[in-house]
Amino acid sequence: TDAIYSSIGDGDIGTHFPNTDEAN
């Protein structure tokens, strides 16, 4: 997932799905 975000310059898994969010 992070490799794909990296390739398109779109943050990382923590940007989109933070481990501080109980929804995750």
mmCIF file of all heavy atoms, coordinates in Angstrom:
data_MODEL
# 
_entry.id   MODEL 
# 
loop_
_atom_site.group_PDB 
_atom_site.id 
_atom_site.type_symbol 
_atom_site.label_atom_id 
_atom_site.label_alt_id 
_atom_site.label_comp_id 
_atom_site.label_asym_id 
_atom_site.label_entity_id 
_atom_site.label_seq_id 
_atom_site.pdbx_PDB_ins_code 
_atom_site.Cartn_x 
_atom_site.Cartn_y 
_atom_site.Cartn_z 
_atom_site.occupancy 
_atom_site.B_iso_or_equiv 
_atom_site.pdbx_formal_charge 
_atom_site.auth_seq_id 
_atom_site.auth_comp_id 
_atom_site.auth_asym_id 
_atom_site.auth_atom_id 
_atom_site.pdbx_PDB_model_num 
ATOM 1   N N   . THR A 1 1  ? 0.842   -1.206 0.000  1.00 0.00 ? 1  THR A N   1 
ATOM 2   C CA  . THR A 1 1  ? 0.000   0.000  0.000  1.00 0.00 ? 1  THR A CA  1 
ATOM 3   C C   . THR A 1 1  ? 0.873   1.251  0.000  1.00 0.00 ? 1  THR A C   1 
ATOM 4   O O   . THR A 1 1  ? 0.635   2.183  -0.786 1.00 0.00 ? 1  THR A O   1 
ATOM 5   C CB  . THR A 1 1  ? -0.945  -0.016 1.224  1.00 0.00 ? 1  THR A CB  1 
ATOM 6   O OG1 . THR A 1 1  ? -1.793  -1.165 1.138  1.00 0.00 ? 1  THR A OG1 1 
ATOM 7   C CG2 . THR A 1 1  ? -1.775  1.250  1.306  1.00 0.00 ? 1  THR A CG2 1 
ATOM 8   N N   . ASP A 1 2  ? 1.890   1.280  0.848  1.00 0.00 ? 2  ASP A N   1 
ATOM 9   C CA  . ASP A 1 2  ? 2.784   2.441  0.893  1.00 0.00 ? 2  ASP A CA  1 
ATOM 10  C C   . ASP A 1 2  ? 3.569   2.601  -0.403 1.00 0.00 ? 2  ASP A C   1 
ATOM 11  O O   . ASP A 1 2  ? 3.832   3.729  -0.832 1.00 0.00 ? 2  ASP A O   1 
ATOM 12  C CB  . ASP A 1 2  ? 3.743   2.343  2.081  1.00 0.00 ? 2  ASP A CB  1 
ATOM 13  C CG  . ASP A 1 2  ? 3.164   2.970  3.349  1.00 0.00 ? 2  ASP A CG  1 
ATOM 14  O OD1 . ASP A 1 2  ? 2.160   3.706  3.248  1.00 0.00 ? 2  ASP A OD1 1 
ATOM 15  O OD2 . ASP A 1 2  ? 3.732   2.735  4.422  1.00 0.00 ? 2  ASP A OD2 1 
ATOM 16  N N   . ALA A 1 3  ? 3.929   1.518  -1.053 1.00 0.00 ? 3  ALA A N   1 
ATOM 17  C CA  . ALA A 1 3  ? 4.637   1.617  -2.339 1.00 0.00 ? 3  ALA A CA  1 
ATOM 18  C C   . ALA A 1 3  ? 3.743   2.274  -3.386 1.00 0.00 ? 3  ALA A C   1 
ATOM 19  O O   . ALA A 1 3  ? 4.214   3.082  -4.194 1.00 0.00 ? 3  ALA A O   1 
ATOM 20  C CB  . ALA A 1 3  ? 5.094   0.234  -2.805 1.00 0.00 ? 3  ALA A CB  1 
ATOM 21  N N   . ILE A 1 4  ? 2.466   1.960  -3.370 1.00 0.00 ? 4  ILE A N   1 
ATOM 22  C CA  . ILE A 1 4  ? 1.531   2.575  -4.329 1.00 0.00 ? 4  ILE A CA  1 
ATOM 23  C C   . ILE A 1 4  ? 1.342   4.051  -4.003 1.00 0.00 ? 4  ILE A C   1 
ATOM 24  O O   . ILE A 1 4  ? 1.422   4.906  -4.899 1.00 0.00 ? 4  ILE A O   1 
ATOM 25  C CB  . ILE A 1 4  ? 0.194   1.810  -4.345 1.00 0.00 ? 4  ILE A CB  1 
ATOM 26  C CG1 . ILE A 1 4  ? 0.420   0.402  -4.896 1.00 0.00 ? 4  ILE A CG1 1 
ATOM 27  C CG2 . ILE A 1 4  ? -0.850  2.568  -5.177 1.00 0.00 ? 4  ILE A CG2 1 
ATOM 28  C CD1 . ILE A 1 4  ? -0.743  -0.542 -4.688 1.00 0.00 ? 4  ILE A CD1 1 
ATOM 29  N N   . TYR A 1 5  ? 1.098   4.375  -2.728 1.00 0.00 ? 5  TYR A N   1 
ATOM 30  C CA  . TYR A 1 5  ? 0.990   5.789  -2.351 1.00 0.00 ? 5  TYR A CA  1 
ATOM 31  C C   . TYR A 1 5  ? 2.261   6.542  -2.736 1.00 0.00 ? 5  TYR A C   1 
ATOM 32  O O   . TYR A 1 5  ? 2.203   7.666  -3.242 1.00 0.00 ? 5  TYR A O   1 
ATOM 33  C CB  . TYR A 1 5  ? 0.757   5.942  -0.844 1.00 0.00 ? 5  TYR A CB  1 
ATOM 34  C CG  . TYR A 1 5  ? -0.627  5.602  -0.349 1.00 0.00 ? 5  TYR A CG  1 
ATOM 35  C CD1 . TYR A 1 5  ? -0.799  4.884  0.831  1.00 0.00 ? 5  TYR A CD1 1 
ATOM 36  C CD2 . TYR A 1 5  ? -1.770  6.026  -1.017 1.00 0.00 ? 5  TYR A CD2 1 
ATOM 37  C CE1 . TYR A 1 5  ? -2.062  4.585  1.324  1.00 0.00 ? 5  TYR A CE1 1 
ATOM 38  C CE2 . TYR A 1 5  ? -3.036  5.721  -0.532 1.00 0.00 ? 5  TYR A CE2 1 
ATOM 39  C CZ  . TYR A 1 5  ? -3.177  5.004  0.638  1.00 0.00 ? 5  TYR A CZ  1 
ATOM 40  O OH  . TYR A 1 5  ? -4.428  4.712  1.114  1.00 0.00 ? 5  TYR A OH  1 
ATOM 41  N N   . SER A 1 6  ? 3.414   5.952  -2.504 1.00 0.00 ? 6  SER A N   1 
ATOM 42  C CA  . SER A 1 6  ? 4.686   6.587  -2.839 1.00 0.00 ? 6  SER A CA  1 
ATOM 43  C C   . SER A 1 6  ? 4.790   6.871  -4.330 1.00 0.00 ? 6  SER A C   1 
ATOM 44  O O   . SER A 1 6  ? 5.233   7.946  -4.739 1.00 0.00 ? 6  SER A O   1 
ATOM 45  C CB  . SER A 1 6  ? 5.841   5.676  -2.389 1.00 0.00 ? 6  SER A CB  1 
ATOM 46  O OG  . SER A 1 6  ? 7.081   6.155  -2.846 1.00 0.00 ? 6  SER A OG  1 
ATOM 47  N N   . SER A 1 7  ? 4.371   5.923  -5.130 1.00 0.00 ? 7  SER A N   1 
ATOM 48  C CA  . SER A 1 7  ? 4.508   6.085  -6.584 1.00 0.00 ? 7  SER A CA  1 
ATOM 49  C C   . SER A 1 7  ? 3.659   7.234  -7.120 1.00 0.00 ? 7  SER A C   1 
ATOM 50  O O   . SER A 1 7  ? 4.017   7.846  -8.123 1.00 0.00 ? 7  SER A O   1 
ATOM 51  C CB  . SER A 1 7  ? 4.167   4.786  -7.313 1.00 0.00 ? 7  SER A CB  1 
ATOM 52  O OG  . SER A 1 7  ? 2.788   4.519  -7.211 1.00 0.00 ? 7  SER A OG  1 
ATOM 53  N N   . ILE A 1 8  ? 2.542   7.527  -6.464 1.00 0.00 ? 8  ILE A N   1 
ATOM 54  C CA  . ILE A 1 8  ? 1.686   8.620  -6.932 1.00 0.00 ? 8  ILE A CA  1 
ATOM 55  C C   . ILE A 1 8  ? 1.857   9.880  -6.089 1.00 0.00 ? 8  ILE A C   1 
ATOM 56  O O   . ILE A 1 8  ? 1.141   10.869 -6.293 1.00 0.00 ? 8  ILE A O   1 
ATOM 57  C CB  . ILE A 1 8  ? 0.200   8.195  -7.005 1.00 0.00 ? 8  ILE A CB  1 
ATOM 58  C CG1 . ILE A 1 8  ? -0.345  7.790  -5.636 1.00 0.00 ? 8  ILE A CG1 1 
ATOM 59  C CG2 . ILE A 1 8  ? 0.010   7.088  -8.037 1.00 0.00 ? 8  ILE A CG2 1 
ATOM 60  C CD1 . ILE A 1 8  ? -1.851  7.540  -5.588 1.00 0.00 ? 8  ILE A CD1 1 
ATOM 61  N N   . GLY A 1 9  ? 2.777   9.840  -5.130 1.00 0.00 ? 9  GLY A N   1 
ATOM 62  C CA  . GLY A 1 9  ? 3.047   11.019 -4.292 1.00 0.00 ? 9  GLY A CA  1 
ATOM 63  C C   . GLY A 1 9  ? 1.872   11.393 -3.406 1.00 0.00 ? 9  GLY A C   1 
ATOM 64  O O   . GLY A 1 9  ? 1.539   12.572 -3.270 1.00 0.00 ? 9  GLY A O   1 
ATOM 65  N N   . ASP A 1 10 ? 1.253   10.407 -2.778 1.00 0.00 ? 10 ASP A N   1 
ATOM 66  C CA  . ASP A 1 10 ? 0.020   10.633 -2.031 1.00 0.00 ? 10 ASP A CA  1 
ATOM 67  C C   . ASP A 1 10 ? 0.152   10.188 -0.571 1.00 0.00 ? 10 ASP A C   1 
ATOM 68  O O   . ASP A 1 10 ? -0.618  9.379  -0.081 1.00 0.00 ? 10 ASP A O   1 
ATOM 69  C CB  . ASP A 1 10 ? -1.122  9.875  -2.721 1.00 0.00 ? 10 ASP A CB  1 
ATOM 70  C CG  . ASP A 1 10 ? -2.496  10.258 -2.188 1.00 0.00 ? 10 ASP A CG  1 
ATOM 71  O OD1 . ASP A 1 10 ? -2.629  11.315 -1.530 1.00 0.00 ? 10 ASP A OD1 1 
ATOM 72  O OD2 . ASP A 1 10 ? -3.448  9.496  -2.442 1.00 0.00 ? 10 ASP A OD2 1 
ATOM 73  N N   . GLY A 1 11 ? 1.144   10.708 0.120  1.00 0.00 ? 11 GLY A N   1 
ATOM 74  C CA  . GLY A 1 11 ? 1.302   10.402 1.534  1.00 0.00 ? 11 GLY A CA  1 
ATOM 75  C C   . GLY A 1 11 ? 1.688   8.958  1.775  1.00 0.00 ? 11 GLY A C   1 
ATOM 76  O O   . GLY A 1 11 ? 2.399   8.347  0.987  1.00 0.00 ? 11 GLY A O   1 
ATOM 77  N N   . ASP A 1 12 ? 1.165   8.406  2.870  1.00 0.00 ? 12 ASP A N   1 
ATOM 78  C CA  . ASP A 1 12 ? 1.445   7.015  3.215  1.00 0.00 ? 12 ASP A CA  1 
ATOM 79  C C   . ASP A 1 12 ? 0.252   6.452  3.967  1.00 0.00 ? 12 ASP A C   1 
ATOM 80  O O   . ASP A 1 12 ? -0.749  7.142  4.179  1.00 0.00 ? 12 ASP A O   1 
ATOM 81  C CB  . ASP A 1 12 ? 2.746   6.888  4.018  1.00 0.00 ? 12 ASP A CB  1 
ATOM 82  C CG  . ASP A 1 12 ? 2.738   7.684  5.316  1.00 0.00 ? 12 ASP A CG  1 
ATOM 83  O OD1 . ASP A 1 12 ? 1.654   7.942  5.882  1.00 0.00 ? 12 ASP A OD1 1 
ATOM 84  O OD2 . ASP A 1 12 ? 3.822   8.052  5.776  1.00 0.00 ? 12 ASP A OD2 1 
ATOM 85  N N   . ILE A 1 13 ? 0.357   5.210  4.367  1.00 0.00 ? 13 ILE A N   1 
ATOM 86  C CA  . ILE A 1 13 ? -0.762  4.537  5.024  1.00 0.00 ? 13 ILE A CA  1 
ATOM 87  C C   . ILE A 1 13 ? -1.173  5.261  6.313  1.00 0.00 ? 13 ILE A C   1 
ATOM 88  O O   . ILE A 1 13 ? -2.353  5.347  6.630  1.00 0.00 ? 13 ILE A O   1 
ATOM 89  C CB  . ILE A 1 13 ? -0.424  3.047  5.256  1.00 0.00 ? 13 ILE A CB  1 
ATOM 90  C CG1 . ILE A 1 13 ? -1.688  2.222  5.453  1.00 0.00 ? 13 ILE A CG1 1 
ATOM 91  C CG2 . ILE A 1 13 ? 0.559   2.866  6.383  1.00 0.00 ? 13 ILE A CG2 1 
ATOM 92  C CD1 . ILE A 1 13 ? -1.440  0.721  5.389  1.00 0.00 ? 13 ILE A CD1 1 
ATOM 93  N N   . GLY A 1 14 ? -0.206  5.815  7.029  1.00 0.00 ? 14 GLY A N   1 
ATOM 94  C CA  . GLY A 1 14 ? -0.511  6.545  8.261  1.00 0.00 ? 14 GLY A CA  1 
ATOM 95  C C   . GLY A 1 14 ? -1.231  7.861  8.004  1.00 0.00 ? 14 GLY A C   1 
ATOM 96  O O   . GLY A 1 14 ? -1.995  8.329  8.843  1.00 0.00 ? 14 GLY A O   1 
ATOM 97  N N   . THR A 1 15 ? -1.010  8.463  6.844  1.00 0.00 ? 15 THR A N   1 
ATOM 98  C CA  . THR A 1 15 ? -1.713  9.686  6.463  1.00 0.00 ? 15 THR A CA  1 
ATOM 99  C C   . THR A 1 15 ? -3.200  9.403  6.255  1.00 0.00 ? 15 THR A C   1 
ATOM 100 O O   . THR A 1 15 ? -4.061  10.154 6.712  1.00 0.00 ? 15 THR A O   1 
ATOM 101 C CB  . THR A 1 15 ? -1.130  10.258 5.149  1.00 0.00 ? 15 THR A CB  1 
ATOM 102 O OG1 . THR A 1 15 ? 0.261   10.497 5.315  1.00 0.00 ? 15 THR A OG1 1 
ATOM 103 C CG2 . THR A 1 15 ? -1.829  11.533 4.735  1.00 0.00 ? 15 THR A CG2 1 
ATOM 104 N N   . HIS A 1 16 ? -3.465  8.312  5.536  1.00 0.00 ? 16 HIS A N   1 
ATOM 105 C CA  . HIS A 1 16 ? -4.842  7.978  5.170  1.00 0.00 ? 16 HIS A CA  1 
ATOM 106 C C   . HIS A 1 16 ? -5.582  7.192  6.257  1.00 0.00 ? 16 HIS A C   1 
ATOM 107 O O   . HIS A 1 16 ? -6.803  7.302  6.360  1.00 0.00 ? 16 HIS A O   1 
ATOM 108 C CB  . HIS A 1 16 ? -4.858  7.188  3.862  1.00 0.00 ? 16 HIS A CB  1 
ATOM 109 C CG  . HIS A 1 16 ? -4.314  7.967  2.709  1.00 0.00 ? 16 HIS A CG  1 
ATOM 110 N ND1 . HIS A 1 16 ? -5.046  8.931  2.059  1.00 0.00 ? 16 HIS A ND1 1 
ATOM 111 C CD2 . HIS A 1 16 ? -3.097  7.951  2.106  1.00 0.00 ? 16 HIS A CD2 1 
ATOM 112 C CE1 . HIS A 1 16 ? -4.310  9.471  1.100  1.00 0.00 ? 16 HIS A CE1 1 
ATOM 113 N NE2 . HIS A 1 16 ? -3.126  8.888  1.112  1.00 0.00 ? 16 HIS A NE2 1 
ATOM 114 N N   . PHE A 1 17 ? -4.840  6.386  7.028  1.00 0.00 ? 17 PHE A N   1 
ATOM 115 C CA  . PHE A 1 17 ? -5.445  5.514  8.043  1.00 0.00 ? 17 PHE A CA  1 
ATOM 116 C C   . PHE A 1 17 ? -4.625  5.566  9.334  1.00 0.00 ? 17 PHE A C   1 
ATOM 117 O O   . PHE A 1 17 ? -3.956  4.603  9.692  1.00 0.00 ? 17 PHE A O   1 
ATOM 118 C CB  . PHE A 1 17 ? -5.518  4.063  7.530  1.00 0.00 ? 17 PHE A CB  1 
ATOM 119 C CG  . PHE A 1 17 ? -6.330  3.920  6.280  1.00 0.00 ? 17 PHE A CG  1 
ATOM 120 C CD1 . PHE A 1 17 ? -5.708  3.903  5.041  1.00 0.00 ? 17 PHE A CD1 1 
ATOM 121 C CD2 . PHE A 1 17 ? -7.711  3.809  6.343  1.00 0.00 ? 17 PHE A CD2 1 
ATOM 122 C CE1 . PHE A 1 17 ? -6.451  3.772  3.874  1.00 0.00 ? 17 PHE A CE1 1 
ATOM 123 C CE2 . PHE A 1 17 ? -8.458  3.683  5.184  1.00 0.00 ? 17 PHE A CE2 1 
ATOM 124 C CZ  . PHE A 1 17 ? -7.834  3.665  3.938  1.00 0.00 ? 17 PHE A CZ  1 
ATOM 125 N N   . PRO A 1 18 ? -4.666  6.679  10.053 1.00 0.00 ? 18 PRO A N   1 
ATOM 126 C CA  . PRO A 1 18 ? -3.827  6.813  11.255 1.00 0.00 ? 18 PRO A CA  1 
ATOM 127 C C   . PRO A 1 18 ? -4.185  5.776  12.331 1.00 0.00 ? 18 PRO A C   1 
ATOM 128 O O   . PRO A 1 18 ? -5.359  5.456  12.529 1.00 0.00 ? 18 PRO A O   1 
ATOM 129 C CB  . PRO A 1 18 ? -4.106  8.234  11.745 1.00 0.00 ? 18 PRO A CB  1 
ATOM 130 C CG  . PRO A 1 18 ? -5.342  8.669  11.060 1.00 0.00 ? 18 PRO A CG  1 
ATOM 131 C CD  . PRO A 1 18 ? -5.495  7.852  9.818  1.00 0.00 ? 18 PRO A CD  1 
ATOM 132 N N   . ASN A 1 19 ? -3.137  5.301  13.015 1.00 0.00 ? 19 ASN A N   1 
ATOM 133 C CA  . ASN A 1 19 ? -3.386  4.314  14.074 1.00 0.00 ? 19 ASN A CA  1 
ATOM 134 C C   . ASN A 1 19 ? -3.934  4.967  15.345 1.00 0.00 ? 19 ASN A C   1 
ATOM 135 O O   . ASN A 1 19 ? -4.209  4.271  16.317 1.00 0.00 ? 19 ASN A O   1 
ATOM 136 C CB  . ASN A 1 19 ? -2.141  3.472  14.365 1.00 0.00 ? 19 ASN A CB  1 
ATOM 137 C CG  . ASN A 1 19 ? -1.000  4.285  14.908 1.00 0.00 ? 19 ASN A CG  1 
ATOM 138 O OD1 . ASN A 1 19 ? -1.125  5.465  15.201 1.00 0.00 ? 19 ASN A OD1 1 
ATOM 139 N ND2 . ASN A 1 19 ? 0.152   3.654  15.044 1.00 0.00 ? 19 ASN A ND2 1 
ATOM 140 N N   . THR A 1 20 ? -4.126  6.260  15.316 1.00 0.00 ? 20 THR A N   1 
ATOM 141 C CA  . THR A 1 20 ? -4.764  6.962  16.422 1.00 0.00 ? 20 THR A CA  1 
ATOM 142 C C   . THR A 1 20 ? -6.282  7.021  16.250 1.00 0.00 ? 20 THR A C   1 
ATOM 143 O O   . THR A 1 20 ? -6.987  7.463  17.148 1.00 0.00 ? 20 THR A O   1 
ATOM 144 C CB  . THR A 1 20 ? -4.204  8.395  16.537 1.00 0.00 ? 20 THR A CB  1 
ATOM 145 O OG1 . THR A 1 20 ? -4.366  9.046  15.272 1.00 0.00 ? 20 THR A OG1 1 
ATOM 146 C CG2 . THR A 1 20 ? -2.735  8.369  16.929 1.00 0.00 ? 20 THR A CG2 1 
ATOM 147 N N   . ASP A 1 21 ? -6.769  6.588  15.088 1.00 0.00 ? 21 ASP A N   1 
ATOM 148 C CA  . ASP A 1 21 ? -8.201  6.603  14.780 1.00 0.00 ? 21 ASP A CA  1 
ATOM 149 C C   . ASP A 1 21 ? -8.781  5.226  15.105 1.00 0.00 ? 21 ASP A C   1 
ATOM 150 O O   . ASP A 1 21 ? -8.409  4.227  14.495 1.00 0.00 ? 21 ASP A O   1 
ATOM 151 C CB  . ASP A 1 21 ? -8.405  6.929  13.304 1.00 0.00 ? 21 ASP A CB  1 
ATOM 152 C CG  . ASP A 1 21 ? -9.858  7.074  12.913 1.00 0.00 ? 21 ASP A CG  1 
ATOM 153 O OD1 . ASP A 1 21 ? -10.747 6.649  13.679 1.00 0.00 ? 21 ASP A OD1 1 
ATOM 154 O OD2 . ASP A 1 21 ? -10.108 7.598  11.806 1.00 0.00 ? 21 ASP A OD2 1 
ATOM 155 N N   . GLU A 1 22 ? -9.702  5.186  16.076 1.00 0.00 ? 22 GLU A N   1 
ATOM 156 C CA  . GLU A 1 22 ? -10.296 3.912  16.487 1.00 0.00 ? 22 GLU A CA  1 
ATOM 157 C C   . GLU A 1 22 ? -11.065 3.232  15.355 1.00 0.00 ? 22 GLU A C   1 
ATOM 158 O O   . GLU A 1 22 ? -11.296 2.019  15.405 1.00 0.00 ? 22 GLU A O   1 
ATOM 159 C CB  . GLU A 1 22 ? -11.189 4.105  17.714 1.00 0.00 ? 22 GLU A CB  1 
ATOM 160 C CG  . GLU A 1 22 ? -10.398 4.239  18.997 1.00 0.00 ? 22 GLU A CG  1 
ATOM 161 C CD  . GLU A 1 22 ? -9.469  3.048  19.263 1.00 0.00 ? 22 GLU A CD  1 
ATOM 162 O OE1 . GLU A 1 22 ? -9.928  1.890  19.239 1.00 0.00 ? 22 GLU A OE1 1 
ATOM 163 O OE2 . GLU A 1 22 ? -8.267  3.284  19.489 1.00 0.00 ? 22 GLU A OE2 1 
ATOM 164 N N   . ALA A 1 23 ? -11.460 3.977  14.329 1.00 0.00 ? 23 ALA A N   1 
ATOM 165 C CA  . ALA A 1 23 ? -12.140 3.377  13.182 1.00 0.00 ? 23 ALA A CA  1 
ATOM 166 C C   . ALA A 1 23 ? -11.224 2.400  12.446 1.00 0.00 ? 23 ALA A C   1 
ATOM 167 O O   . ALA A 1 23 ? -11.704 1.525  11.717 1.00 0.00 ? 23 ALA A O   1 
ATOM 168 C CB  . ALA A 1 23 ? -12.627 4.460  12.220 1.00 0.00 ? 23 ALA A CB  1 
ATOM 169 N N   . ASN A 1 24 ? -9.912  2.548  12.636 1.00 0.00 ? 24 ASN A N   1 
ATOM 170 C CA  . ASN A 1 24 ? -8.953  1.664  11.967 1.00 0.00 ? 24 ASN A CA  1 
ATOM 171 C C   . ASN A 1 24 ? -8.554  0.470  12.825 1.00 0.00 ? 24 ASN A C   1 
ATOM 172 O O   . ASN A 1 24 ? -7.806  -0.393 12.370 1.00 0.00 ? 24 ASN A O   1 
ATOM 173 C CB  . ASN A 1 24 ? -7.710  2.451  11.564 1.00 0.00 ? 24 ASN A CB  1 
ATOM 174 C CG  . ASN A 1 24 ? -8.049  3.543  10.583 1.00 0.00 ? 24 ASN A CG  1 
ATOM 175 O OD1 . ASN A 1 24 ? -8.873  3.355  9.695  1.00 0.00 ? 24 ASN A OD1 1 
ATOM 176 N ND2 . ASN A 1 24 ? -7.434  4.698  10.746 1.00 0.00 ? 24 ASN A ND2 1 
# 
